[in-house]
C-alpha atoms as a PDB file:
ATOM      1  CA  MET A   1      25.903 -20.402  12.827  1.00  0.00           C
ATOM      2  CA  LYS A   2      23.539 -18.718  15.251  1.00  0.00           C
ATOM      3  CA  HIS A   3      19.803 -18.780  14.641  1.00  0.00           C
ATOM      4  CA  SER A   4      19.662 -15.026  14.019  1.00  0.00           C
ATOM      5  CA  GLU A   5      22.493 -15.251  11.465  1.00  0.00           C
ATOM      6  CA  ALA A   6      20.662 -18.021   9.601  1.00  0.00           C
ATOM      7  CA  THR A   7      17.469 -15.997   9.648  1.00  0.00           C
ATOM      8  CA  GLU A   8      19.304 -12.947   8.349  1.00  0.00           C
ATOM      9  CA  GLN A   9      20.881 -14.962   5.523  1.00  0.00           C
ATOM     10  CA  LEU A  10      17.516 -16.414   4.560  1.00  0.00           C
ATOM     11  CA  PHE A  11      15.966 -12.947   4.574  1.00  0.00           C
ATOM     12  CA  ASP A  12      18.775 -11.634   2.348  1.00  0.00           C
ATOM     13  CA  GLN A  13      18.228 -14.519  -0.091  1.00  0.00           C
ATOM     14  CA  VAL A  14      14.490 -13.850  -0.258  1.00  0.00           C
ATOM     15  CA  ILE A  15      15.117 -10.156  -0.926  1.00  0.00           C
ATOM     16  CA  ALA A  16      17.694 -10.980  -3.596  1.00  0.00           C
ATOM     17  CA  TYR A  17      15.197 -13.158  -5.471  1.00  0.00           C
ATOM     18  CA  THR A  18      12.190 -10.873  -5.064  1.00  0.00           C
ATOM     19  CA  PRO A  19      11.192  -9.449  -8.456  1.00  0.00           C
ATOM     20  CA  PRO A  20      11.719  -5.686  -8.836  1.00  0.00           C
ATOM     21  CA  GLU A  21       8.026  -5.038  -9.452  1.00  0.00           C
ATOM     22  CA  ILE A  22       7.146  -6.631  -6.106  1.00  0.00           C
ATOM     23  CA  LYS A  23       9.791  -4.533  -4.365  1.00  0.00           C
ATOM     24  CA  HIS A  24       8.300  -1.389  -5.937  1.00  0.00           C
ATOM     25  CA  GLU A  25       4.762  -2.398  -4.996  1.00  0.00           C
ATOM     26  CA  VAL A  26       5.713  -2.885  -1.356  1.00  0.00           C
ATOM     27  CA  GLU A  27       7.796   0.299  -1.238  1.00  0.00           C
ATOM     28  CA  TRP A  28       5.024   2.425  -2.778  1.00  0.00           C
ATOM     29  CA  SER A  29       2.411   0.916  -0.485  1.00  0.00           C
ATOM     30  CA  TYR A  30       4.408   1.829   2.613  1.00  0.00           C
ATOM     31  CA  GLN A  31       5.139   5.313   1.273  1.00  0.00           C
ATOM     32  CA  ILE A  32       1.415   5.910   0.752  1.00  0.00           C
ATOM     33  CA  ALA A  33       0.685   4.599   4.244  1.00  0.00           C
ATOM     34  CA  ASP A  34       3.299   6.973   5.674  1.00  0.00           C
ATOM     35  CA  LYS A  35       1.762   9.934   3.827  1.00  0.00           C
ATOM     36  CA  ILE A  36      -1.731   9.107   5.077  1.00  0.00           C
ATOM     37  CA  TYR A  37      -0.495   8.719   8.643  1.00  0.00           C
ATOM     38  CA  ALA A  38       1.445  11.999   8.474  1.00  0.00           C
ATOM     39  CA  ALA A  39      -1.595  13.829   7.096  1.00  0.00           C
ATOM     40  CA  LEU A  40      -3.796  12.466   9.887  1.00  0.00           C
ATOM     41  CA  ARG A  41      -1.287  13.669  12.490  1.00  0.00           C
ATOM     42  CA  ARG A  42      -0.963  17.123  10.906  1.00  0.00           C
ATOM     43  CA  LYS A  43      -4.737  17.517  10.759  1.00  0.00           C
ATOM     44  CA  GLY A  44      -5.307  16.086  14.228  1.00  0.00           C
ATOM     45  CA  LEU A  45      -7.645  13.399  12.867  1.00  0.00           C
ATOM     46  CA  SER A  46      -8.146  10.080  14.592  1.00  0.00           C
ATOM     47  CA  GLN A  47      -8.480   6.902  12.557  1.00  0.00           C
ATOM     48  CA  LYS A  48     -12.144   6.801  13.552  1.00  0.00           C
ATOM     49  CA  GLU A  49     -12.791  10.370  12.354  1.00  0.00           C
ATOM     50  CA  PHE A  50     -10.923   9.736   9.112  1.00  0.00           C
ATOM     51  CA  ALA A  51     -12.814   6.489   8.517  1.00  0.00           C
ATOM     52  CA  ARG A  52     -16.070   8.393   8.821  1.00  0.00           C
ATOM     53  CA  LEU A  53     -14.863  11.009   6.306  1.00  0.00           C
ATOM     54  CA  VAL A  54     -13.839   8.341   3.809  1.00  0.00           C
ATOM     55  CA  GLY A  55     -16.910   6.175   4.411  1.00  0.00           C
ATOM     56  CA  THR A  56     -15.124   3.082   5.643  1.00  0.00           C
ATOM     57  CA  SER A  57     -14.374   1.308   8.898  1.00  0.00           C
ATOM     58  CA  GLU A  58     -11.713   2.198  11.418  1.00  0.00           C
ATOM     59  CA  ALA A  59     -10.268  -1.305  10.910  1.00  0.00           C
ATOM     60  CA  THR A  60      -9.789  -0.568   7.200  1.00  0.00           C
ATOM     61  CA  VAL A  61      -8.014   2.707   7.958  1.00  0.00           C
ATOM     62  CA  SER A  62      -5.789   0.825  10.395  1.00  0.00           C
ATOM     63  CA  LYS A  63      -4.845  -1.598   7.593  1.00  0.00           C
ATOM     64  CA  TRP A  64      -4.120   1.320   5.263  1.00  0.00           C
ATOM     65  CA  ILE A  65      -1.733   3.059   7.623  1.00  0.00           C
ATOM     66  CA  GLY A  66      -0.177  -0.225   8.706  1.00  0.00           C
ATOM     67  CA  GLY A  67       1.346  -0.531   5.239  1.00  0.00           C
ATOM     68  CA  GLY A  68       1.254  -3.294   2.688  1.00  0.00           C
ATOM     69  CA  HIS A  69      -2.241  -2.482   1.412  1.00  0.00           C
ATOM     70  CA  ASN A  70      -2.858  -2.706  -2.341  1.00  0.00           C
ATOM     71  CA  PHE A  71      -4.690   0.594  -2.897  1.00  0.00           C
ATOM     72  CA  THR A  72      -7.059   1.055  -5.812  1.00  0.00           C
ATOM     73  CA  ILE A  73      -7.237   4.340  -7.677  1.00  0.00           C
ATOM     74  CA  ALA A  74     -10.805   4.803  -6.405  1.00  0.00           C
ATOM     75  CA  THR A  75      -9.662   4.361  -2.803  1.00  0.00           C
ATOM     76  CA  LEU A  76      -6.772   6.779  -3.266  1.00  0.00           C
ATOM     77  CA  ALA A  77      -9.167   9.357  -4.742  1.00  0.00           C
ATOM     78  CA  LYS A  78     -11.456   9.024  -1.692  1.00  0.00           C
ATOM     79  CA  ILE A  79      -8.490   9.341   0.665  1.00  0.00           C
ATOM     80  CA  GLU A  80      -7.186  12.449  -1.081  1.00  0.00           C
ATOM     81  CA  ALA A  81     -10.651  14.035  -1.143  1.00  0.00           C
ATOM     82  CA  ALA A  82     -11.121  13.387   2.586  1.00  0.00           C
ATOM     83  CA  LEU A  83      -7.664  14.739   3.440  1.00  0.00           C
ATOM     84  CA  GLY A  84      -7.842  17.668   1.049  1.00  0.00           C
ATOM     85  CA  GLU A  85      -4.312  16.944  -0.145  1.00  0.00           C
ATOM     86  CA  GLU A  86      -2.312  14.716  -2.460  1.00  0.00           C
ATOM     87  CA  VAL A  87      -1.234  11.280  -1.328  1.00  0.00           C
ATOM     88  CA  ILE A  88       0.310  10.284  -4.646  1.00  0.00           C
ATOM     89  CA  ARG A  89       1.498  12.183  -7.674  1.00  0.00           C
ATOM     90  CA  VAL A  90       1.547  10.783 -11.193  1.00  0.00           C
END
């Protein structure tokens, strides 16, 4: 078995045993990140400009749009207010 095949099998096993709630958390986090990134592109905002609007650092914005961030409701509200559009819908 090649190294890449073993790695792929291990990855598949990890995914198979990952609880559904964790899968949802990761999926939603990346979807939110994608929406933020798309909004920044549409509006022509840099990460630095957006960080200033939200009142945070450029490094934090970079983490947000990199995906995998566990957003709080307060943070999402700030993001939506700064963008002037929805990021999530409940």
